[in-house]
PDB file of N, CA and C in Angstrom:
ATOM      1  N   MET A   1       5.579 -70.417 -21.154  1.00  0.00           N
ATOM      2  CA  MET A   1       5.818 -71.815 -20.853  1.00  0.00           C
ATOM      3  C   MET A   1       5.581 -72.629 -22.121  1.00  0.00           C
ATOM      4  N   ILE A   2       6.419 -73.603 -22.334  1.00  0.00           N
ATOM      5  CA  ILE A   2       6.327 -74.461 -23.502  1.00  0.00           C
ATOM      6  C   ILE A   2       6.161 -75.903 -23.034  1.00  0.00           C
ATOM      7  N   THR A   3       5.269 -76.597 -23.680  1.00  0.00           N
ATOM      8  CA  THR A   3       5.086 -78.020 -23.410  1.00  0.00           C
ATOM      9  C   THR A   3       5.402 -78.760 -24.700  1.00  0.00           C
ATOM     10  N   LEU A   4       6.172 -79.829 -24.595  1.00  0.00           N
ATOM     11  CA  LEU A   4       6.472 -80.601 -25.785  1.00  0.00           C
ATOM     12  C   LEU A   4       6.518 -82.079 -25.455  1.00  0.00           C
ATOM     13  N   ARG A   5       6.319 -82.858 -26.482  1.00  0.00           N
ATOM     14  CA  ARG A   5       6.345 -84.318 -26.324  1.00  0.00           C
ATOM     15  C   ARG A   5       7.662 -84.846 -26.882  1.00  0.00           C
ATOM     16  N   LEU A   6       8.261 -85.751 -26.149  1.00  0.00           N
ATOM     17  CA  LEU A   6       9.528 -86.350 -26.558  1.00  0.00           C
ATOM     18  C   LEU A   6       9.343 -87.854 -26.653  1.00  0.00           C
ATOM     19  N   ASP A   7      10.088 -88.472 -27.570  1.00  0.00           N
ATOM     20  CA  ASP A   7      10.037 -89.928 -27.605  1.00  0.00           C
ATOM     21  C   ASP A   7      10.782 -90.466 -26.386  1.00  0.00           C
ATOM     22  N   GLU A   8      10.532 -91.708 -26.044  1.00  0.00           N
ATOM     23  CA  GLU A   8      11.077 -92.288 -24.805  1.00  0.00           C
ATOM     24  C   GLU A   8      12.601 -92.267 -24.781  1.00  0.00           C
ATOM     25  N   LYS A   9      13.229 -92.566 -25.899  1.00  0.00           N
ATOM     26  CA  LYS A   9      14.695 -92.613 -25.959  1.00  0.00           C
ATOM     27  C   LYS A   9      15.288 -91.231 -25.666  1.00  0.00           C
ATOM     28  N   LEU A  10      14.745 -90.183 -26.284  1.00  0.00           N
ATOM     29  CA  LEU A  10      15.248 -88.835 -26.069  1.00  0.00           C
ATOM     30  C   LEU A  10      15.012 -88.400 -24.622  1.00  0.00           C
ATOM     31  N   GLU A  11      13.859 -88.714 -24.090  1.00  0.00           N
ATOM     32  CA  GLU A  11      13.577 -88.350 -22.703  1.00  0.00           C
ATOM     33  C   GLU A  11      14.540 -89.053 -21.752  1.00  0.00           C
ATOM     34  N   GLN A  12      14.839 -90.301 -22.024  1.00  0.00           N
ATOM     35  CA  GLN A  12      15.788 -91.039 -21.177  1.00  0.00           C
ATOM     36  C   GLN A  12      17.187 -90.443 -21.292  1.00  0.00           C
ATOM     37  N   ASP A  13      17.584 -90.069 -22.509  1.00  0.00           N
ATOM     38  CA  ASP A  13      18.891 -89.426 -22.703  1.00  0.00           C
ATOM     39  C   ASP A  13      18.968 -88.111 -21.928  1.00  0.00           C
ATOM     40  N   ILE A  14      17.900 -87.337 -21.943  1.00  0.00           N
ATOM     41  CA  ILE A  14      17.864 -86.078 -21.206  1.00  0.00           C
ATOM     42  C   ILE A  14      17.958 -86.337 -19.709  1.00  0.00           C
ATOM     43  N   ASN A  15      17.201 -87.310 -19.213  1.00  0.00           N
ATOM     44  CA  ASN A  15      17.255 -87.655 -17.786  1.00  0.00           C
ATOM     45  C   ASN A  15      18.664 -88.062 -17.365  1.00  0.00           C
ATOM     46  N   THR A  16      19.287 -88.920 -18.159  1.00  0.00           N
ATOM     47  CA  THR A  16      20.620 -89.417 -17.840  1.00  0.00           C
ATOM     48  C   THR A  16      21.647 -88.280 -17.858  1.00  0.00           C
ATOM     49  N   THR A  17      21.601 -87.474 -18.903  1.00  0.00           N
ATOM     50  CA  THR A  17      22.553 -86.370 -19.036  1.00  0.00           C
ATOM     51  C   THR A  17      22.375 -85.347 -17.923  1.00  0.00           C
ATOM     52  N   ALA A  18      21.133 -85.010 -17.623  1.00  0.00           N
ATOM     53  CA  ALA A  18      20.862 -84.052 -16.552  1.00  0.00           C
ATOM     54  C   ALA A  18      21.381 -84.578 -15.217  1.00  0.00           C
ATOM     55  N   ASN A  19      21.152 -85.846 -14.936  1.00  0.00           N
ATOM     56  CA  ASN A  19      21.649 -86.445 -13.690  1.00  0.00           C
ATOM     57  C   ASN A  19      23.171 -86.436 -13.646  1.00  0.00           C
ATOM     58  N   ASN A  20      23.805 -86.777 -14.758  1.00  0.00           N
ATOM     59  CA  ASN A  20      25.273 -86.801 -14.806  1.00  0.00           C
ATOM     60  C   ASN A  20      25.884 -85.414 -14.607  1.00  0.00           C
ATOM     61  N   LEU A  21      25.201 -84.384 -15.083  1.00  0.00           N
ATOM     62  CA  LEU A  21      25.705 -83.017 -14.966  1.00  0.00           C
ATOM     63  C   LEU A  21      25.239 -82.322 -13.690  1.00  0.00           C
ATOM     64  N   GLY A  22      24.340 -82.961 -12.977  1.00  0.00           N
ATOM     65  CA  GLY A  22      23.816 -82.359 -11.750  1.00  0.00           C
ATOM     66  C   GLY A  22      22.878 -81.196 -12.030  1.00  0.00           C
ATOM     67  N   LEU A  23      22.157 -81.280 -13.137  1.00  0.00           N
ATOM     68  CA  LEU A  23      21.215 -80.234 -13.530  1.00  0.00           C
ATOM     69  C   LEU A  23      19.799 -80.783 -13.527  1.00  0.00           C
ATOM     70  N   THR A  24      18.847 -79.867 -13.468  1.00  0.00           N
ATOM     71  CA  THR A  24      17.472 -80.307 -13.672  1.00  0.00           C
ATOM     72  C   THR A  24      17.277 -80.499 -15.170  1.00  0.00           C
ATOM     73  N   LYS A  25      16.243 -81.241 -15.521  1.00  0.00           N
ATOM     74  CA  LYS A  25      15.950 -81.438 -16.941  1.00  0.00           C
ATOM     75  C   LYS A  25      15.647 -80.092 -17.604  1.00  0.00           C
ATOM     76  N   SER A  26      14.902 -79.254 -16.905  1.00  0.00           N
ATOM     77  CA  SER A  26      14.554 -77.946 -17.462  1.00  0.00           C
ATOM     78  C   SER A  26      15.800 -77.108 -17.736  1.00  0.00           C
ATOM     79  N   GLU A  27      16.737 -77.109 -16.799  1.00  0.00           N
ATOM     80  CA  GLU A  27      17.961 -76.324 -16.982  1.00  0.00           C
ATOM     81  C   GLU A  27      18.784 -76.874 -18.143  1.00  0.00           C
ATOM     82  N   LEU A  28      18.884 -78.173 -18.254  1.00  0.00           N
ATOM     83  CA  LEU A  28      19.613 -78.787 -19.368  1.00  0.00           C
ATOM     84  C   LEU A  28      18.979 -78.407 -20.698  1.00  0.00           C
ATOM     85  N   ILE A  29      17.671 -78.469 -20.768  1.00  0.00           N
ATOM     86  CA  ILE A  29      16.971 -78.130 -22.005  1.00  0.00           C
ATOM     87  C   ILE A  29      17.135 -76.649 -22.320  1.00  0.00           C
ATOM     88  N   ARG A  30      17.031 -75.765 -21.311  1.00  0.00           N
ATOM     89  CA  ARG A  30      17.230 -74.331 -21.525  1.00  0.00           C
ATOM     90  C   ARG A  30      18.622 -74.051 -22.090  1.00  0.00           C
ATOM     91  N   ARG A  31      19.627 -74.653 -21.468  1.00  0.00           N
ATOM     92  CA  ARG A  31      21.002 -74.441 -21.928  1.00  0.00           C
ATOM     93  C   ARG A  31      21.195 -74.969 -23.343  1.00  0.00           C
ATOM     94  N   SER A  32      20.609 -76.115 -23.618  1.00  0.00           N
ATOM     95  CA  SER A  32      20.751 -76.715 -24.949  1.00  0.00           C
ATOM     96  C   SER A  32      20.112 -75.850 -26.020  1.00  0.00           C
ATOM     97  N   ILE A  33      18.931 -75.330 -25.745  1.00  0.00           N
ATOM     98  CA  ILE A  33      18.253 -74.466 -26.705  1.00  0.00           C
ATOM     99  C   ILE A  33      19.044 -73.178 -26.896  1.00  0.00           C
ATOM    100  N   HIS A  34      19.513 -72.597 -25.806  1.00  0.00           N
ATOM    101  CA  HIS A  34      20.300 -71.362 -25.877  1.00  0.00           C
ATOM    102  C   HIS A  34      21.558 -71.570 -26.726  1.00  0.00           C
ATOM    103  N   GLU A  35      22.248 -72.648 -26.513  1.00  0.00           N
ATOM    104  CA  GLU A  35      23.462 -72.936 -27.283  1.00  0.00           C
ATOM    105  C   GLU A  35      23.133 -73.161 -28.757  1.00  0.00           C
ATOM    106  N   TYR A  36      22.062 -73.893 -29.027  1.00  0.00           N
ATOM    107  CA  TYR A  36      21.657 -74.155 -30.409  1.00  0.00           C
ATOM    108  C   TYR A  36      21.316 -72.858 -31.133  1.00  0.00           C
ATOM    109  N   LEU A  37      20.529 -72.005 -30.500  1.00  0.00           N
ATOM    110  CA  LEU A  37      20.146 -70.741 -31.126  1.00  0.00           C
ATOM    111  C   LEU A  37      21.353 -69.852 -31.371  1.00  0.00           C
ATOM    112  N   GLY A  38      22.344 -69.911 -30.485  1.00  0.00           N
ATOM    113  CA  GLY A  38      23.558 -69.131 -30.666  1.00  0.00           C
ATOM    114  C   GLY A  38      24.387 -69.581 -31.849  1.00  0.00           C
ATOM    115  N   LYS A  39      24.223 -70.833 -32.261  1.00  0.00           N
ATOM    116  CA  LYS A  39      24.996 -71.363 -33.383  1.00  0.00           C
ATOM    117  C   LYS A  39      24.315 -71.177 -34.732  1.00  0.00           C
ATOM    118  N   LEU A  40      23.045 -70.767 -34.716  1.00  0.00           N
ATOM    119  CA  LEU A  40      22.352 -70.560 -35.985  1.00  0.00           C
ATOM    120  C   LEU A  40      22.981 -69.399 -36.728  1.00  0.00           C
ATOM    121  N   GLU A  41      23.034 -69.512 -38.030  1.00  0.00           N
ATOM    122  CA  GLU A  41      23.595 -68.446 -38.841  1.00  0.00           C
ATOM    123  C   GLU A  41      22.608 -67.295 -38.917  1.00  0.00           C
ATOM    124  N   ARG A  42      23.108 -66.119 -38.679  1.00  0.00           N
ATOM    125  CA  ARG A  42      22.295 -64.915 -38.804  1.00  0.00           C
ATOM    126  C   ARG A  42      22.746 -64.187 -40.052  1.00  0.00           C
ATOM    127  N   PRO A  43      21.801 -63.614 -40.779  1.00  0.00           N
ATOM    128  CA  PRO A  43      22.204 -62.905 -41.997  1.00  0.00           C
ATOM    129  C   PRO A  43      23.062 -61.689 -41.672  1.00  0.00           C
ATOM    130  N   GLY A  44      24.052 -61.456 -42.491  1.00  0.00           N
ATOM    131  CA  GLY A  44      24.920 -60.300 -42.312  1.00  0.00           C
ATOM    132  C   GLY A  44      24.294 -59.062 -42.929  1.00  0.00           C
ATOM    133  N   ALA A  45      25.033 -57.984 -42.891  1.00  0.00           N
ATOM    134  CA  ALA A  45      24.531 -56.712 -43.426  1.00  0.00           C
ATOM    135  C   ALA A  45      24.214 -56.829 -44.911  1.00  0.00           C
ATOM    136  N   TRP A  46      25.063 -57.516 -45.660  1.00  0.00           N
ATOM    137  CA  TRP A  46      24.836 -57.634 -47.100  1.00  0.00           C
ATOM    138  C   TRP A  46      23.555 -58.409 -47.384  1.00  0.00           C
ATOM    139  N   GLU A  47      23.376 -59.540 -46.736  1.00  0.00           N
ATOM    140  CA  GLU A  47      22.193 -60.351 -46.980  1.00  0.00           C
ATOM    141  C   GLU A  47      20.916 -59.615 -46.576  1.00  0.00           C
ATOM    142  N   THR A  48      20.991 -58.818 -45.511  1.00  0.00           N
ATOM    143  CA  THR A  48      19.818 -58.096 -45.036  1.00  0.00           C
ATOM    144  C   THR A  48      19.376 -57.024 -46.031  1.00  0.00           C
ATOM    145  N   GLY A  49      20.318 -56.306 -46.605  1.00  0.00           N
ATOM    146  CA  GLY A  49      19.960 -55.207 -47.496  1.00  0.00           C
ATOM    147  C   GLY A  49      20.213 -55.475 -48.955  1.00  0.00           C
ATOM    148  N   GLU A  50      20.470 -56.714 -49.311  1.00  0.00           N
ATOM    149  CA  GLU A  50      20.859 -57.054 -50.682  1.00  0.00           C
ATOM    150  C   GLU A  50      19.858 -56.548 -51.722  1.00  0.00           C
ATOM    151  N   ASP A  51      18.572 -56.627 -51.434  1.00  0.00           N
ATOM    152  CA  ASP A  51      17.578 -56.187 -52.409  1.00  0.00           C
ATOM    153  C   ASP A  51      17.511 -54.658 -52.522  1.00  0.00           C
ATOM    154  N   LEU A  52      18.147 -53.938 -51.596  1.00  0.00           N
ATOM    155  CA  LEU A  52      18.132 -52.473 -51.637  1.00  0.00           C
ATOM    156  C   LEU A  52      19.378 -51.880 -52.278  1.00  0.00           C
ATOM    157  N   PHE A  53      20.499 -52.585 -52.226  1.00  0.00           N
ATOM    158  CA  PHE A  53      21.744 -52.059 -52.747  1.00  0.00           C
ATOM    159  C   PHE A  53      21.655 -51.915 -54.261  1.00  0.00           C
ATOM    160  N   GLY A  54      21.959 -50.722 -54.730  1.00  0.00           N
ATOM    161  CA  GLY A  54      21.916 -50.456 -56.162  1.00  0.00           C
ATOM    162  C   GLY A  54      20.516 -50.217 -56.701  1.00  0.00           C
ATOM    163  N   LYS A  55      19.540 -50.184 -55.846  1.00  0.00           N
ATOM    164  CA  LYS A  55      18.153 -50.027 -56.280  1.00  0.00           C
ATOM    165  C   LYS A  55      17.955 -48.707 -57.014  1.00  0.00           C
ATOM    166  N   TYR A  56      18.605 -47.670 -56.541  1.00  0.00           N
ATOM    167  CA  TYR A  56      18.468 -46.356 -57.153  1.00  0.00           C
ATOM    168  C   TYR A  56      19.750 -45.985 -57.891  1.00  0.00           C
ATOM    169  N   SER A  57      20.340 -46.941 -58.534  1.00  0.00           N
ATOM    170  CA  SER A  57      21.606 -46.747 -59.230  1.00  0.00           C
ATOM    171  C   SER A  57      21.452 -45.828 -60.429  1.00  0.00           C
ATOM    172  N   SER A  58      22.517 -45.109 -60.696  1.00  0.00           N
ATOM    173  CA  SER A  58      22.524 -44.225 -61.864  1.00  0.00           C
ATOM    174  C   SER A  58      22.741 -45.031 -63.136  1.00  0.00           C
ATOM    175  N   GLY A  59      23.201 -46.248 -62.974  1.00  0.00           N
ATOM    176  CA  GLY A  59      23.488 -47.065 -64.146  1.00  0.00           C
ATOM    177  C   GLY A  59      24.877 -46.812 -64.711  1.00  0.00           C
ATOM    178  N   ARG A  60      25.603 -45.904 -64.089  1.00  0.00           N
ATOM    179  CA  ARG A  60      26.951 -45.575 -64.547  1.00  0.00           C
ATOM    180  C   ARG A  60      27.955 -46.273 -63.637  1.00  0.00           C
ATOM    181  N   GLY A  61      28.794 -47.052 -64.227  1.00  0.00           N
ATOM    182  CA  GLY A  61      29.761 -47.819 -63.442  1.00  0.00           C
ATOM    183  C   GLY A  61      31.067 -47.103 -63.191  1.00  0.00           C
ATOM    184  N   ASN A  62      31.189 -45.866 -63.652  1.00  0.00           N
ATOM    185  CA  ASN A  62      32.463 -45.164 -63.546  1.00  0.00           C
ATOM    186  C   ASN A  62      32.464 -44.077 -62.469  1.00  0.00           C
ATOM    187  N   LEU A  63      31.479 -44.027 -61.622  1.00  0.00           N
ATOM    188  CA  LEU A  63      31.358 -42.920 -60.671  1.00  0.00           C
ATOM    189  C   LEU A  63      32.503 -42.858 -59.668  1.00  0.00           C
ATOM    190  N   SER A  64      33.005 -43.979 -59.235  1.00  0.00           N
ATOM    191  CA  SER A  64      34.082 -43.930 -58.245  1.00  0.00           C
ATOM    192  C   SER A  64      35.451 -43.730 -58.884  1.00  0.00           C
ATOM    193  N   THR A  65      35.652 -44.265 -60.050  1.00  0.00           N
ATOM    194  CA  THR A  65      36.975 -44.154 -60.677  1.00  0.00           C
ATOM    195  C   THR A  65      37.177 -42.822 -61.400  1.00  0.00           C
ATOM    196  N   GLU A  66      36.101 -42.200 -61.856  1.00  0.00           N
ATOM    197  CA  GLU A  66      36.220 -40.949 -62.601  1.00  0.00           C
ATOM    198  C   GLU A  66      35.504 -39.812 -61.881  1.00  0.00           C
ATOM    199  N   ARG A  67      35.451 -39.883 -60.569  1.00  0.00           N
ATOM    200  CA  ARG A  67      34.679 -38.914 -59.796  1.00  0.00           C
ATOM    201  C   ARG A  67      35.165 -37.477 -59.990  1.00  0.00           C
ATOM    202  N   LYS A  68      36.486 -37.272 -60.029  1.00  0.00           N
ATOM    203  CA  LYS A  68      37.021 -35.908 -60.169  1.00  0.00           C
ATOM    204  C   LYS A  68      36.624 -35.303 -61.514  1.00  0.00           C
ATOM    205  N   GLU A  69      36.758 -36.065 -62.558  1.00  0.00           N
ATOM    206  CA  GLU A  69      36.406 -35.575 -63.876  1.00  0.00           C
ATOM    207  C   GLU A  69      34.917 -35.279 -63.983  1.00  0.00           C
ATOM    208  N   LEU A  70      34.102 -36.127 -63.372  1.00  0.00           N
ATOM    209  CA  LEU A  70      32.654 -35.927 -63.414  1.00  0.00           C
ATOM    210  C   LEU A  70      32.231 -34.671 -62.659  1.00  0.00           C
ATOM    211  N   VAL A  71      32.867 -34.418 -61.517  1.00  0.00           N
ATOM    212  CA  VAL A  71      32.564 -33.208 -60.741  1.00  0.00           C
ATOM    213  C   VAL A  71      32.978 -31.970 -61.521  1.00  0.00           C
ATOM    214  N   LYS A  72      34.160 -32.003 -62.100  1.00  0.00           N
ATOM    215  CA  LYS A  72      34.630 -30.865 -62.896  1.00  0.00           C
ATOM    216  C   LYS A  72      33.673 -30.586 -64.050  1.00  0.00           C
ATOM    217  N   ALA A  73      33.220 -31.612 -64.706  1.00  0.00           N
ATOM    218  CA  ALA A  73      32.296 -31.449 -65.830  1.00  0.00           C
ATOM    219  C   ALA A  73      30.978 -30.830 -65.369  1.00  0.00           C
ATOM    220  N   ARG A  74      30.498 -31.231 -64.218  1.00  0.00           N
ATOM    221  CA  ARG A  74      29.256 -30.656 -63.669  1.00  0.00           C
ATOM    222  C   ARG A  74      29.441 -29.190 -63.340  1.00  0.00           C
ATOM    223  N   ILE A  75      30.560 -28.842 -62.750  1.00  0.00           N
ATOM    224  CA  ILE A  75      30.830 -27.436 -62.379  1.00  0.00           C
ATOM    225  C   ILE A  75      30.913 -26.597 -63.645  1.00  0.00           C
ATOM    226  N   ARG A  76      31.627 -27.101 -64.657  1.00  0.00           N
ATOM    227  CA  ARG A  76      31.740 -26.361 -65.924  1.00  0.00           C
ATOM    228  C   ARG A  76      30.358 -26.159 -66.552  1.00  0.00           C
ATOM    229  N   ALA A  77      29.520 -27.172 -66.480  1.00  0.00           N
ATOM    230  CA  ALA A  77      28.178 -27.078 -67.078  1.00  0.00           C
ATOM    231  C   ALA A  77      27.326 -26.034 -66.357  1.00  0.00           C
ATOM    232  N   LYS A  78      27.489 -25.908 -65.053  1.00  0.00           N
ATOM    233  CA  LYS A  78      26.720 -24.912 -64.287  1.00  0.00           C
ATOM    234  C   LYS A  78      27.186 -23.500 -64.588  1.00  0.00           C
ATOM    235  N   ARG A  79      28.456 -23.333 -64.879  1.00  0.00           N
ATOM    236  CA  ARG A  79      29.028 -21.999 -65.148  1.00  0.00           C
ATOM    237  C   ARG A  79      28.601 -21.461 -66.515  1.00  0.00           C
ATOM    238  N   LYS A  80      28.228 -22.321 -67.392  1.00  0.00           N
ATOM    239  CA  LYS A  80      27.854 -21.899 -68.763  1.00  0.00           C
ATOM    240  C   LYS A  80      26.498 -21.272 -68.782  1.00  0.00           C
TER     241      LYS A  80
END
């Protein structure tokens, strides 16, 4: 349960709106909070893991473009 204090103008606006919509004040406030929370921006996958991406990087920027050549070179090195 949450208790909060509202200024008179806001409380009157809530009373009026709730009456006009045929809702209780509590239901109007619940719906309003639910809608507000749904509109808040949530961080995406990138923002959540941004500090982890590349953390253990090899420092080589050519791994995806020269992958075949790099694999061949590794295999040749193991055979020697």
